[in-house]
Amino acid sequence: MNEFILLFRLDILTKEAQPSPEQLQVYMQMYHDWVGGISAQNKFVGGKGLSTEGRVLKYKGVVTDGPFAEIKESIAGYIIIRAADFDEAVRLSKDCPMLNGEGNSVEIRMVTGGDDRK
């Protein structure tokens, strides 16, 4: 069984793209139900949300605020799941409720060790 990271990309800056508090409650329940389904299959490893504030380190030690200053689409959080292969990881990801938002996406990457890159 391989591990895959699912990166949740959302528009966190455009005011019109933000849910109302009531909508956010509904969306969070849908998200928890979706993760609960993955967990019930013993395929959930863990995950966290990310703050909108951050720093970007660049070549020659340059530090900038961001990445929100440059792009409106930002990584809002991630989870790590277990799956046999990319096909299963995609299948498990297709029901992510975040995909109901226009412009939102889930990026799926296999987690690899330092010497076993695939």
PDB file of N, CA and C in Angstrom:
ATOM      1  N   MET A   1       0.858  -1.180   0.000  1.00  0.00           N
ATOM      2  CA  MET A   1       0.000   0.000   0.000  1.00  0.00           C
ATOM      3  C   MET A   1       0.899   1.236   0.000  1.00  0.00           C
ATOM      4  N   ASN A   2       0.606   2.178  -0.891  1.00  0.00           N
ATOM      5  CA  ASN A   2       1.359   3.425  -0.996  1.00  0.00           C
ATOM      6  C   ASN A   2       0.637   4.540  -0.258  1.00  0.00           C
ATOM      7  N   GLU A   3       1.364   5.589   0.049  1.00  0.00           N
ATOM      8  CA  GLU A   3       0.752   6.776   0.632  1.00  0.00           C
ATOM      9  C   GLU A   3       0.697   7.865  -0.425  1.00  0.00           C
ATOM     10  N   PHE A   4      -0.410   8.610  -0.413  1.00  0.00           N
ATOM     11  CA  PHE A   4      -0.617   9.717  -1.338  1.00  0.00           C
ATOM     12  C   PHE A   4      -1.030  10.942  -0.552  1.00  0.00           C
ATOM     13  N   ILE A   5      -0.499  12.088  -0.941  1.00  0.00           N
ATOM     14  CA  ILE A   5      -0.926  13.346  -0.328  1.00  0.00           C
ATOM     15  C   ILE A   5      -1.922  14.004  -1.272  1.00  0.00           C
ATOM     16  N   LEU A   6      -3.023  14.466  -0.706  1.00  0.00           N
ATOM     17  CA  LEU A   6      -4.033  15.190  -1.454  1.00  0.00           C
ATOM     18  C   LEU A   6      -3.936  16.648  -1.027  1.00  0.00           C
ATOM     19  N   LEU A   7      -3.568  17.511  -1.952  1.00  0.00           N
ATOM     20  CA  LEU A   7      -3.426  18.943  -1.681  1.00  0.00           C
ATOM     21  C   LEU A   7      -4.693  19.649  -2.150  1.00  0.00           C
ATOM     22  N   PHE A   8      -5.340  20.360  -1.252  1.00  0.00           N
ATOM     23  CA  PHE A   8      -6.607  21.026  -1.553  1.00  0.00           C
ATOM     24  C   PHE A   8      -6.335  22.479  -1.940  1.00  0.00           C
ATOM     25  N   ARG A   9      -6.598  22.798  -3.193  1.00  0.00           N
ATOM     26  CA  ARG A   9      -6.387  24.158  -3.703  1.00  0.00           C
ATOM     27  C   ARG A   9      -7.730  24.868  -3.815  1.00  0.00           C
ATOM     28  N   LEU A  10      -7.799  26.047  -3.182  1.00  0.00           N
ATOM     29  CA  LEU A  10      -9.029  26.834  -3.143  1.00  0.00           C
ATOM     30  C   LEU A  10      -8.713  28.299  -3.396  1.00  0.00           C
ATOM     31  N   ASP A  11      -9.706  29.031  -3.866  1.00  0.00           N
ATOM     32  CA  ASP A  11      -9.597  30.485  -3.971  1.00  0.00           C
ATOM     33  C   ASP A  11      -9.913  31.037  -2.580  1.00  0.00           C
ATOM     34  N   ILE A  12      -8.894  31.515  -1.893  1.00  0.00           N
ATOM     35  CA  ILE A  12      -9.106  31.996  -0.527  1.00  0.00           C
ATOM     36  C   ILE A  12      -9.125  33.521  -0.437  1.00  0.00           C
ATOM     37  N   LEU A  13      -9.032  34.198  -1.599  1.00  0.00           N
ATOM     38  CA  LEU A  13      -8.977  35.652  -1.579  1.00  0.00           C
ATOM     39  C   LEU A  13     -10.230  36.341  -2.120  1.00  0.00           C
ATOM     40  N   THR A  14     -10.825  35.802  -3.175  1.00  0.00           N
ATOM     41  CA  THR A  14     -11.971  36.444  -3.799  1.00  0.00           C
ATOM     42  C   THR A  14     -13.175  36.370  -2.868  1.00  0.00           C
ATOM     43  N   LYS A  15     -13.681  37.523  -2.500  1.00  0.00           N
ATOM     44  CA  LYS A  15     -14.779  37.593  -1.527  1.00  0.00           C
ATOM     45  C   LYS A  15     -15.983  36.770  -1.971  1.00  0.00           C
ATOM     46  N   GLU A  16     -16.335  36.829  -3.245  1.00  0.00           N
ATOM     47  CA  GLU A  16     -17.510  36.118  -3.753  1.00  0.00           C
ATOM     48  C   GLU A  16     -17.333  34.598  -3.684  1.00  0.00           C
ATOM     49  N   ALA A  17     -16.114  34.122  -3.629  1.00  0.00           N
ATOM     50  CA  ALA A  17     -15.850  32.682  -3.591  1.00  0.00           C
ATOM     51  C   ALA A  17     -15.937  32.108  -2.176  1.00  0.00           C
ATOM     52  N   GLN A  18     -16.056  32.966  -1.178  1.00  0.00           N
ATOM     53  CA  GLN A  18     -16.058  32.510   0.208  1.00  0.00           C
ATOM     54  C   GLN A  18     -17.466  32.116   0.645  1.00  0.00           C
ATOM     55  N   PRO A  19     -17.594  30.985   1.309  1.00  0.00           N
ATOM     56  CA  PRO A  19     -18.925  30.560   1.774  1.00  0.00           C
ATOM     57  C   PRO A  19     -19.380  31.383   2.972  1.00  0.00           C
ATOM     58  N   SER A  20     -20.686  31.442   3.136  1.00  0.00           N
ATOM     59  CA  SER A  20     -21.244  32.069   4.337  1.00  0.00           C
ATOM     60  C   SER A  20     -20.927  31.150   5.522  1.00  0.00           C
ATOM     61  N   PRO A  21     -21.056  31.654   6.750  1.00  0.00           N
ATOM     62  CA  PRO A  21     -20.819  30.782   7.913  1.00  0.00           C
ATOM     63  C   PRO A  21     -21.702  29.540   7.901  1.00  0.00           C
ATOM     64  N   GLU A  22     -22.942  29.692   7.454  1.00  0.00           N
ATOM     65  CA  GLU A  22     -23.850  28.546   7.388  1.00  0.00           C
ATOM     66  C   GLU A  22     -23.383  27.539   6.343  1.00  0.00           C
ATOM     67  N   GLN A  23     -23.004  28.049   5.162  1.00  0.00           N
ATOM     68  CA  GLN A  23     -22.495  27.176   4.103  1.00  0.00           C
ATOM     69  C   GLN A  23     -21.224  26.472   4.562  1.00  0.00           C
ATOM     70  N   LEU A  24     -20.363  27.198   5.265  1.00  0.00           N
ATOM     71  CA  LEU A  24     -19.113  26.616   5.741  1.00  0.00           C
ATOM     72  C   LEU A  24     -19.389  25.446   6.675  1.00  0.00           C
ATOM     73  N   GLN A  25     -20.391  25.572   7.535  1.00  0.00           N
ATOM     74  CA  GLN A  25     -20.764  24.470   8.432  1.00  0.00           C
ATOM     75  C   GLN A  25     -21.174  23.233   7.639  1.00  0.00           C
ATOM     76  N   VAL A  26     -21.996  23.440   6.611  1.00  0.00           N
ATOM     77  CA  VAL A  26     -22.453  22.331   5.770  1.00  0.00           C
ATOM     78  C   VAL A  26     -21.259  21.703   5.050  1.00  0.00           C
ATOM     79  N   TYR A  27     -20.395  22.539   4.474  1.00  0.00           N
ATOM     80  CA  TYR A  27     -19.241  22.038   3.736  1.00  0.00           C
ATOM     81  C   TYR A  27     -18.291  21.268   4.645  1.00  0.00           C
ATOM     82  N   MET A  28     -18.101  21.756   5.854  1.00  0.00           N
ATOM     83  CA  MET A  28     -17.197  21.069   6.782  1.00  0.00           C
ATOM     84  C   MET A  28     -17.779  19.714   7.185  1.00  0.00           C
ATOM     85  N   GLN A  29     -19.094  19.629   7.357  1.00  0.00           N
ATOM     86  CA  GLN A  29     -19.709  18.341   7.677  1.00  0.00           C
ATOM     87  C   GLN A  29     -19.542  17.371   6.513  1.00  0.00           C
ATOM     88  N   MET A  30     -19.712  17.868   5.287  1.00  0.00           N
ATOM     89  CA  MET A  30     -19.515  17.021   4.108  1.00  0.00           C
ATOM     90  C   MET A  30     -18.064  16.533   4.046  1.00  0.00           C
ATOM     91  N   TYR A  31     -17.125  17.436   4.346  1.00  0.00           N
ATOM     92  CA  TYR A  31     -15.705  17.080   4.338  1.00  0.00           C
ATOM     93  C   TYR A  31     -15.424  16.013   5.399  1.00  0.00           C
ATOM     94  N   HIS A  32     -15.943  16.206   6.609  1.00  0.00           N
ATOM     95  CA  HIS A  32     -15.713  15.232   7.681  1.00  0.00           C
ATOM     96  C   HIS A  32     -16.345  13.878   7.353  1.00  0.00           C
ATOM     97  N   ASP A  33     -17.507  13.893   6.723  1.00  0.00           N
ATOM     98  CA  ASP A  33     -18.140  12.637   6.304  1.00  0.00           C
ATOM     99  C   ASP A  33     -17.283  11.931   5.253  1.00  0.00           C
ATOM    100  N   TRP A  34     -16.754  12.697   4.297  1.00  0.00           N
ATOM    101  CA  TRP A  34     -15.904  12.127   3.247  1.00  0.00           C
ATOM    102  C   TRP A  34     -14.639  11.514   3.855  1.00  0.00           C
ATOM    103  N   VAL A  35     -13.963  12.262   4.735  1.00  0.00           N
ATOM    104  CA  VAL A  35     -12.757  11.749   5.391  1.00  0.00           C
ATOM    105  C   VAL A  35     -13.116  10.543   6.258  1.00  0.00           C
ATOM    106  N   GLY A  36     -14.274  10.593   6.917  1.00  0.00           N
ATOM    107  CA  GLY A  36     -14.714   9.463   7.730  1.00  0.00           C
ATOM    108  C   GLY A  36     -14.885   8.197   6.907  1.00  0.00           C
ATOM    109  N   GLY A  37     -15.368   8.335   5.678  1.00  0.00           N
ATOM    110  CA  GLY A  37     -15.505   7.186   4.789  1.00  0.00           C
ATOM    111  C   GLY A  37     -14.161   6.589   4.415  1.00  0.00           C
ATOM    112  N   ILE A  38     -13.173   7.446   4.182  1.00  0.00           N
ATOM    113  CA  ILE A  38     -11.813   6.973   3.886  1.00  0.00           C
ATOM    114  C   ILE A  38     -11.227   6.303   5.122  1.00  0.00           C
ATOM    115  N   SER A  39     -11.456   6.918   6.273  1.00  0.00           N
ATOM    116  CA  SER A  39     -10.954   6.369   7.538  1.00  0.00           C
ATOM    117  C   SER A  39     -11.577   5.012   7.837  1.00  0.00           C
ATOM    118  N   ALA A  40     -12.864   4.851   7.522  1.00  0.00           N
ATOM    119  CA  ALA A  40     -13.550   3.584   7.774  1.00  0.00           C
ATOM    120  C   ALA A  40     -12.944   2.442   6.958  1.00  0.00           C
ATOM    121  N   GLN A  41     -12.288   2.785   5.853  1.00  0.00           N
ATOM    122  CA  GLN A  41     -11.610   1.790   5.021  1.00  0.00           C
ATOM    123  C   GLN A  41     -10.158   1.570   5.469  1.00  0.00           C
ATOM    124  N   ASN A  42      -9.781   2.224   6.577  1.00  0.00           N
ATOM    125  CA  ASN A  42      -8.415   2.173   7.105  1.00  0.00           C
ATOM    126  C   ASN A  42      -7.404   2.706   6.086  1.00  0.00           C
ATOM    127  N   LYS A  43      -7.797   3.781   5.380  1.00  0.00           N
ATOM    128  CA  LYS A  43      -6.927   4.362   4.357  1.00  0.00           C
ATOM    129  C   LYS A  43      -6.558   5.808   4.661  1.00  0.00           C
ATOM    130  N   PHE A  44      -7.016   6.327   5.790  1.00  0.00           N
ATOM    131  CA  PHE A  44      -6.692   7.698   6.184  1.00  0.00           C
ATOM    132  C   PHE A  44      -5.457   7.682   7.072  1.00  0.00           C
ATOM    133  N   VAL A  45      -4.456   8.484   6.714  1.00  0.00           N
ATOM    134  CA  VAL A  45      -3.224   8.560   7.504  1.00  0.00           C
ATOM    135  C   VAL A  45      -3.250   9.790   8.399  1.00  0.00           C
ATOM    136  N   GLY A  46      -3.665  10.932   7.868  1.00  0.00           N
ATOM    137  CA  GLY A  46      -3.703  12.158   8.649  1.00  0.00           C
ATOM    138  C   GLY A  46      -3.827  13.362   7.744  1.00  0.00           C
ATOM    139  N   GLY A  47      -3.894  14.531   8.333  1.00  0.00           N
ATOM    140  CA  GLY A  47      -3.977  15.745   7.547  1.00  0.00           C
ATOM    141  C   GLY A  47      -4.177  16.957   8.422  1.00  0.00           C
ATOM    142  N   LYS A  48      -4.040  18.113   7.797  1.00  0.00           N
ATOM    143  CA  LYS A  48      -4.182  19.382   8.514  1.00  0.00           C
ATOM    144  C   LYS A  48      -4.669  20.458   7.548  1.00  0.00           C
ATOM    145  N   GLY A  49      -5.242  21.494   8.108  1.00  0.00           N
ATOM    146  CA  GLY A  49      -5.534  22.705   7.351  1.00  0.00           C
ATOM    147  C   GLY A  49      -4.323  23.618   7.436  1.00  0.00           C
ATOM    148  N   LEU A  50      -4.259  24.580   6.543  1.00  0.00           N
ATOM    149  CA  LEU A  50      -3.139  25.516   6.524  1.00  0.00           C
ATOM    150  C   LEU A  50      -3.649  26.946   6.658  1.00  0.00           C
ATOM    151  N   SER A  51      -2.883  27.788   7.327  1.00  0.00           N
ATOM    152  CA  SER A  51      -3.264  29.192   7.458  1.00  0.00           C
ATOM    153  C   SER A  51      -3.064  29.901   6.121  1.00  0.00           C
ATOM    154  N   THR A  52      -3.697  31.044   5.972  1.00  0.00           N
ATOM    155  CA  THR A  52      -3.520  31.827   4.749  1.00  0.00           C
ATOM    156  C   THR A  52      -2.213  32.613   4.777  1.00  0.00           C
ATOM    157  N   GLU A  53      -1.648  32.791   5.952  1.00  0.00           N
ATOM    158  CA  GLU A  53      -0.393  33.531   6.086  1.00  0.00           C
ATOM    159  C   GLU A  53       0.779  32.583   5.901  1.00  0.00           C
ATOM    160  N   GLY A  54       1.819  33.060   5.252  1.00  0.00           N
ATOM    161  CA  GLY A  54       2.996  32.227   5.063  1.00  0.00           C
ATOM    162  C   GLY A  54       4.194  33.032   4.598  1.00  0.00           C
ATOM    163  N   ARG A  55       5.267  32.360   4.358  1.00  0.00           N
ATOM    164  CA  ARG A  55       6.494  32.951   3.812  1.00  0.00           C
ATOM    165  C   ARG A  55       6.997  32.035   2.709  1.00  0.00           C
ATOM    166  N   VAL A  56       7.630  32.647   1.714  1.00  0.00           N
ATOM    167  CA  VAL A  56       8.238  31.894   0.624  1.00  0.00           C
ATOM    168  C   VAL A  56       9.735  32.179   0.650  1.00  0.00           C
ATOM    169  N   LEU A  57      10.519  31.109   0.713  1.00  0.00           N
ATOM    170  CA  LEU A  57      11.967  31.247   0.655  1.00  0.00           C
ATOM    171  C   LEU A  57      12.406  31.029  -0.783  1.00  0.00           C
ATOM    172  N   LYS A  58      13.261  31.922  -1.277  1.00  0.00           N
ATOM    173  CA  LYS A  58      13.708  31.845  -2.665  1.00  0.00           C
ATOM    174  C   LYS A  58      15.231  31.810  -2.728  1.00  0.00           C
ATOM    175  N   TYR A  59      15.705  31.671  -3.915  1.00  0.00           N
ATOM    176  CA  TYR A  59      17.135  31.620  -4.212  1.00  0.00           C
ATOM    177  C   TYR A  59      17.880  32.767  -3.531  1.00  0.00           C
ATOM    178  N   LYS A  60      19.035  32.475  -3.030  1.00  0.00           N
ATOM    179  CA  LYS A  60      19.920  33.431  -2.356  1.00  0.00           C
ATOM    180  C   LYS A  60      19.309  34.014  -1.089  1.00  0.00           C
ATOM    181  N   GLY A  61      18.486  33.238  -0.423  1.00  0.00           N
ATOM    182  CA  GLY A  61      17.965  33.633   0.878  1.00  0.00           C
ATOM    183  C   GLY A  61      16.884  34.692   0.867  1.00  0.00           C
ATOM    184  N   VAL A  62      16.289  34.998  -0.269  1.00  0.00           N
ATOM    185  CA  VAL A  62      15.224  35.990  -0.333  1.00  0.00           C
ATOM    186  C   VAL A  62      13.970  35.405   0.314  1.00  0.00           C
ATOM    187  N   VAL A  63      13.369  36.183   1.216  1.00  0.00           N
ATOM    188  CA  VAL A  63      12.151  35.772   1.905  1.00  0.00           C
ATOM    189  C   VAL A  63      11.047  36.760   1.546  1.00  0.00           C
ATOM    190  N   THR A  64       9.895  36.218   1.108  1.00  0.00           N
ATOM    191  CA  THR A  64       8.758  37.081   0.788  1.00  0.00           C
ATOM    192  C   THR A  64       7.532  36.596   1.544  1.00  0.00           C
ATOM    193  N   ASP A  65       6.587  37.499   1.741  1.00  0.00           N
ATOM    194  CA  ASP A  65       5.289  37.092   2.253  1.00  0.00           C
ATOM    195  C   ASP A  65       4.591  36.322   1.145  1.00  0.00           C
ATOM    196  N   GLY A  66       3.745  35.418   1.523  1.00  0.00           N
ATOM    197  CA  GLY A  66       3.015  34.718   0.478  1.00  0.00           C
ATOM    198  C   GLY A  66       2.668  33.317   0.901  1.00  0.00           C
ATOM    199  N   PRO A  67       2.239  32.546  -0.035  1.00  0.00           N
ATOM    200  CA  PRO A  67       2.157  32.808  -1.468  1.00  0.00           C
ATOM    201  C   PRO A  67       0.913  33.572  -1.879  1.00  0.00           C
ATOM    202  N   PHE A  68       0.058  33.906  -0.916  1.00  0.00           N
ATOM    203  CA  PHE A  68      -1.219  34.542  -1.254  1.00  0.00           C
ATOM    204  C   PHE A  68      -1.059  35.878  -1.950  1.00  0.00           C
ATOM    205  N   ALA A  69       0.070  36.536  -1.790  1.00  0.00           N
ATOM    206  CA  ALA A  69       0.275  37.832  -2.414  1.00  0.00           C
ATOM    207  C   ALA A  69       0.381  37.716  -3.928  1.00  0.00           C
ATOM    208  N   GLU A  70       0.787  36.550  -4.433  1.00  0.00           N
ATOM    209  CA  GLU A  70       0.989  36.386  -5.864  1.00  0.00           C
ATOM    210  C   GLU A  70      -0.170  35.691  -6.568  1.00  0.00           C
ATOM    211  N   ILE A  71      -0.887  34.816  -5.869  1.00  0.00           N
ATOM    212  CA  ILE A  71      -1.939  34.049  -6.522  1.00  0.00           C
ATOM    213  C   ILE A  71      -3.177  33.991  -5.636  1.00  0.00           C
ATOM    214  N   LYS A  72      -4.358  33.877  -6.272  1.00  0.00           N
ATOM    215  CA  LYS A  72      -5.568  33.769  -5.464  1.00  0.00           C
ATOM    216  C   LYS A  72      -5.859  32.329  -5.091  1.00  0.00           C
ATOM    217  N   GLU A  73      -5.358  31.374  -5.897  1.00  0.00           N
ATOM    218  CA  GLU A  73      -5.538  29.960  -5.577  1.00  0.00           C
ATOM    219  C   GLU A  73      -4.442  29.558  -4.603  1.00  0.00           C
ATOM    220  N   SER A  74      -4.826  28.995  -3.490  1.00  0.00           N
ATOM    221  CA  SER A  74      -3.847  28.650  -2.467  1.00  0.00           C
ATOM    222  C   SER A  74      -4.125  27.255  -1.940  1.00  0.00           C
ATOM    223  N   ILE A  75      -3.095  26.637  -1.406  1.00  0.00           N
ATOM    224  CA  ILE A  75      -3.271  25.339  -0.768  1.00  0.00           C
ATOM    225  C   ILE A  75      -3.878  25.585   0.611  1.00  0.00           C
ATOM    226  N   ALA A  76      -5.099  25.111   0.795  1.00  0.00           N
ATOM    227  CA  ALA A  76      -5.825  25.349   2.042  1.00  0.00           C
ATOM    228  C   ALA A  76      -5.584  24.254   3.066  1.00  0.00           C
ATOM    229  N   GLY A  77      -5.123  23.090   2.614  1.00  0.00           N
ATOM    230  CA  GLY A  77      -4.880  21.985   3.522  1.00  0.00           C
ATOM    231  C   GLY A  77      -4.509  20.737   2.751  1.00  0.00           C
ATOM    232  N   TYR A  78      -4.354  19.661   3.487  1.00  0.00           N
ATOM    233  CA  TYR A  78      -3.960  18.402   2.870  1.00  0.00           C
ATOM    234  C   TYR A  78      -4.380  17.241   3.755  1.00  0.00           C
ATOM    235  N   ILE A  79      -4.488  16.075   3.140  1.00  0.00           N
ATOM    236  CA  ILE A  79      -4.576  14.832   3.899  1.00  0.00           C
ATOM    237  C   ILE A  79      -3.660  13.821   3.217  1.00  0.00           C
ATOM    238  N   ILE A  80      -3.298  12.815   3.958  1.00  0.00           N
ATOM    239  CA  ILE A  80      -2.516  11.710   3.411  1.00  0.00           C
ATOM    240  C   ILE A  80      -3.376  10.461   3.536  1.00  0.00           C
ATOM    241  N   ILE A  81      -3.456   9.728   2.423  1.00  0.00           N
ATOM    242  CA  ILE A  81      -4.252   8.500   2.387  1.00  0.00           C
ATOM    243  C   ILE A  81      -3.374   7.334   1.958  1.00  0.00           C
ATOM    244  N   ARG A  82      -3.883   6.128   2.195  1.00  0.00           N
ATOM    245  CA  ARG A  82      -3.243   4.906   1.686  1.00  0.00           C
ATOM    246  C   ARG A  82      -4.059   4.417   0.495  1.00  0.00           C
ATOM    247  N   ALA A  83      -3.358   4.016  -0.560  1.00  0.00           N
ATOM    248  CA  ALA A  83      -4.025   3.459  -1.729  1.00  0.00           C
ATOM    249  C   ALA A  83      -3.050   2.546  -2.449  1.00  0.00           C
ATOM    250  N   ALA A  84      -3.589   1.588  -3.180  1.00  0.00           N
ATOM    251  CA  ALA A  84      -2.744   0.641  -3.911  1.00  0.00           C
ATOM    252  C   ALA A  84      -1.965   1.333  -5.022  1.00  0.00           C
ATOM    253  N   ASP A  85      -2.605   2.326  -5.673  1.00  0.00           N
ATOM    254  CA  ASP A  85      -1.976   2.988  -6.813  1.00  0.00           C
ATOM    255  C   ASP A  85      -2.682   4.319  -7.068  1.00  0.00           C
ATOM    256  N   PHE A  86      -2.236   5.034  -8.108  1.00  0.00           N
ATOM    257  CA  PHE A  86      -2.840   6.322  -8.425  1.00  0.00           C
ATOM    258  C   PHE A  86      -4.325   6.185  -8.754  1.00  0.00           C
ATOM    259  N   ASP A  87      -4.706   5.119  -9.441  1.00  0.00           N
ATOM    260  CA  ASP A  87      -6.118   4.937  -9.797  1.00  0.00           C
ATOM    261  C   ASP A  87      -7.000   4.889  -8.561  1.00  0.00           C
ATOM    262  N   GLU A  88      -6.568   4.158  -7.543  1.00  0.00           N
ATOM    263  CA  GLU A  88      -7.362   4.097  -6.318  1.00  0.00           C
ATOM    264  C   GLU A  88      -7.348   5.442  -5.601  1.00  0.00           C
ATOM    265  N   ALA A  89      -6.205   6.117  -5.576  1.00  0.00           N
ATOM    266  CA  ALA A  89      -6.124   7.434  -4.932  1.00  0.00           C
ATOM    267  C   ALA A  89      -7.061   8.429  -5.614  1.00  0.00           C
ATOM    268  N   VAL A  90      -7.121   8.380  -6.937  1.00  0.00           N
ATOM    269  CA  VAL A  90      -8.036   9.253  -7.673  1.00  0.00           C
ATOM    270  C   VAL A  90      -9.481   8.885  -7.352  1.00  0.00           C
ATOM    271  N   ARG A  91      -9.784   7.601  -7.315  1.00  0.00           N
ATOM    272  CA  ARG A  91     -11.141   7.152  -6.999  1.00  0.00           C
ATOM    273  C   ARG A  91     -11.578   7.659  -5.619  1.00  0.00           C
ATOM    274  N   LEU A  92     -10.687   7.554  -4.636  1.00  0.00           N
ATOM    275  CA  LEU A  92     -11.010   8.022  -3.285  1.00  0.00           C
ATOM    276  C   LEU A  92     -11.160   9.543  -3.250  1.00  0.00           C
ATOM    277  N   SER A  93     -10.448  10.241  -4.102  1.00  0.00           N
ATOM    278  CA  SER A  93     -10.452  11.709  -4.116  1.00  0.00           C
ATOM    279  C   SER A  93     -11.650  12.296  -4.842  1.00  0.00           C
ATOM    280  N   LYS A  94     -12.237  11.559  -5.764  1.00  0.00           N
ATOM    281  CA  LYS A  94     -13.315  12.095  -6.603  1.00  0.00           C
ATOM    282  C   LYS A  94     -14.513  12.583  -5.807  1.00  0.00           C
ATOM    283  N   ASP A  95     -14.746  12.033  -4.640  1.00  0.00           N
ATOM    284  CA  ASP A  95     -15.895  12.441  -3.844  1.00  0.00           C
ATOM    285  C   ASP A  95     -15.585  13.579  -2.876  1.00  0.00           C
ATOM    286  N   CYS A  96     -14.393  14.150  -2.971  1.00  0.00           N
ATOM    287  CA  CYS A  96     -14.038  15.256  -2.078  1.00  0.00           C
ATOM    288  C   CYS A  96     -15.006  16.418  -2.312  1.00  0.00           C
ATOM    289  N   PRO A  97     -15.706  16.868  -1.278  1.00  0.00           N
ATOM    290  CA  PRO A  97     -16.683  17.941  -1.455  1.00  0.00           C
ATOM    291  C   PRO A  97     -16.068  19.267  -1.883  1.00  0.00           C
ATOM    292  N   MET A  98     -14.782  19.441  -1.696  1.00  0.00           N
ATOM    293  CA  MET A  98     -14.147  20.684  -2.141  1.00  0.00           C
ATOM    294  C   MET A  98     -14.203  20.830  -3.657  1.00  0.00           C
ATOM    295  N   LEU A  99     -14.364  19.704  -4.351  1.00  0.00           N
ATOM    296  CA  LEU A  99     -14.445  19.748  -5.807  1.00  0.00           C
ATOM    297  C   LEU A  99     -15.768  20.323  -6.297  1.00  0.00           C
ATOM    298  N   ASN A 100     -16.699  20.592  -5.374  1.00  0.00           N
ATOM    299  CA  ASN A 100     -17.963  21.219  -5.745  1.00  0.00           C
ATOM    300  C   ASN A 100     -17.814  22.716  -5.982  1.00  0.00           C
ATOM    301  N   GLY A 101     -16.687  23.295  -5.564  1.00  0.00           N
ATOM    302  CA  GLY A 101     -16.460  24.724  -5.749  1.00  0.00           C
ATOM    303  C   GLY A 101     -15.761  25.004  -7.068  1.00  0.00           C
ATOM    304  N   GLU A 102     -16.284  25.959  -7.819  1.00  0.00           N
ATOM    305  CA  GLU A 102     -15.682  26.314  -9.103  1.00  0.00           C
ATOM    306  C   GLU A 102     -14.239  26.772  -8.897  1.00  0.00           C
ATOM    307  N   GLY A 103     -13.339  26.225  -9.677  1.00  0.00           N
ATOM    308  CA  GLY A 103     -11.924  26.596  -9.590  1.00  0.00           C
ATOM    309  C   GLY A 103     -11.145  25.821  -8.540  1.00  0.00           C
ATOM    310  N   ASN A 104     -11.826  25.079  -7.678  1.00  0.00           N
ATOM    311  CA  ASN A 104     -11.134  24.286  -6.668  1.00  0.00           C
ATOM    312  C   ASN A 104     -10.535  23.046  -7.304  1.00  0.00           C
ATOM    313  N   SER A 105      -9.492  22.508  -6.689  1.00  0.00           N
ATOM    314  CA  SER A 105      -8.894  21.281  -7.214  1.00  0.00           C
ATOM    315  C   SER A 105      -8.256  20.491  -6.083  1.00  0.00           C
ATOM    316  N   VAL A 106      -8.055  19.216  -6.358  1.00  0.00           N
ATOM    317  CA  VAL A 106      -7.328  18.330  -5.463  1.00  0.00           C
ATOM    318  C   VAL A 106      -6.143  17.792  -6.254  1.00  0.00           C
ATOM    319  N   GLU A 107      -4.950  18.097  -5.798  1.00  0.00           N
ATOM    320  CA  GLU A 107      -3.741  17.581  -6.432  1.00  0.00           C
ATOM    321  C   GLU A 107      -3.324  16.320  -5.689  1.00  0.00           C
ATOM    322  N   ILE A 108      -3.050  15.261  -6.430  1.00  0.00           N
ATOM    323  CA  ILE A 108      -2.722  13.967  -5.834  1.00  0.00           C
ATOM    324  C   ILE A 108      -1.273  13.638  -6.169  1.00  0.00           C
ATOM    325  N   ARG A 109      -0.476  13.400  -5.135  1.00  0.00           N
ATOM    326  CA  ARG A 109       0.928  13.049  -5.318  1.00  0.00           C
ATOM    327  C   ARG A 109       1.270  11.857  -4.450  1.00  0.00           C
ATOM    328  N   MET A 110       2.079  10.942  -4.992  1.00  0.00           N
ATOM    329  CA  MET A 110       2.553   9.815  -4.189  1.00  0.00           C
ATOM    330  C   MET A 110       3.627  10.328  -3.242  1.00  0.00           C
ATOM    331  N   VAL A 111       3.574   9.888  -2.003  1.00  0.00           N
ATOM    332  CA  VAL A 111       4.595  10.227  -1.015  1.00  0.00           C
ATOM    333  C   VAL A 111       5.712   9.203  -1.168  1.00  0.00           C
ATOM    334  N   THR A 112       6.920   9.691  -1.348  1.00  0.00           N
ATOM    335  CA  THR A 112       8.062   8.801  -1.500  1.00  0.00           C
ATOM    336  C   THR A 112       9.126   9.146  -0.501  1.00  0.00           C
ATOM    337  N   GLY A 113       9.998   8.171  -0.240  1.00  0.00           N
ATOM    338  CA  GLY A 113      11.138   8.406   0.629  1.00  0.00           C
ATOM    339  C   GLY A 113      12.277   9.039  -0.152  1.00  0.00           C
ATOM    340  N   GLY A 114      13.348   9.301   0.502  1.00  0.00           N
ATOM    341  CA  GLY A 114      14.487   9.946  -0.133  1.00  0.00           C
ATOM    342  C   GLY A 114      15.108   9.146  -1.244  1.00  0.00           C
ATOM    343  N   ASP A 115      15.129   7.813  -1.131  1.00  0.00           N
ATOM    344  CA  ASP A 115      15.803   6.990  -2.132  1.00  0.00           C
ATOM    345  C   ASP A 115      14.873   6.149  -2.979  1.00  0.00           C
ATOM    346  N   ASP A 116      13.560   6.205  -2.726  1.00  0.00           N
ATOM    347  CA  ASP A 116      12.656   5.328  -3.469  1.00  0.00           C
ATOM    348  C   ASP A 116      11.673   6.099  -4.340  1.00  0.00           C
ATOM    349  N   ARG A 117      12.139   7.184  -4.945  1.00  0.00           N
ATOM    350  CA  ARG A 117      11.276   7.984  -5.811  1.00  0.00           C
ATOM    351  C   ARG A 117      10.787   7.168  -6.987  1.00  0.00           C
ATOM    352  N   LYS A 118       9.531   7.359  -7.305  1.00  0.00           N
ATOM    353  CA  LYS A 118       8.919   6.622  -8.414  1.00  0.00           C
ATOM    354  C   LYS A 118       8.548   7.552  -9.520  1.00  0.00           C
TER     355      LYS A 118
END
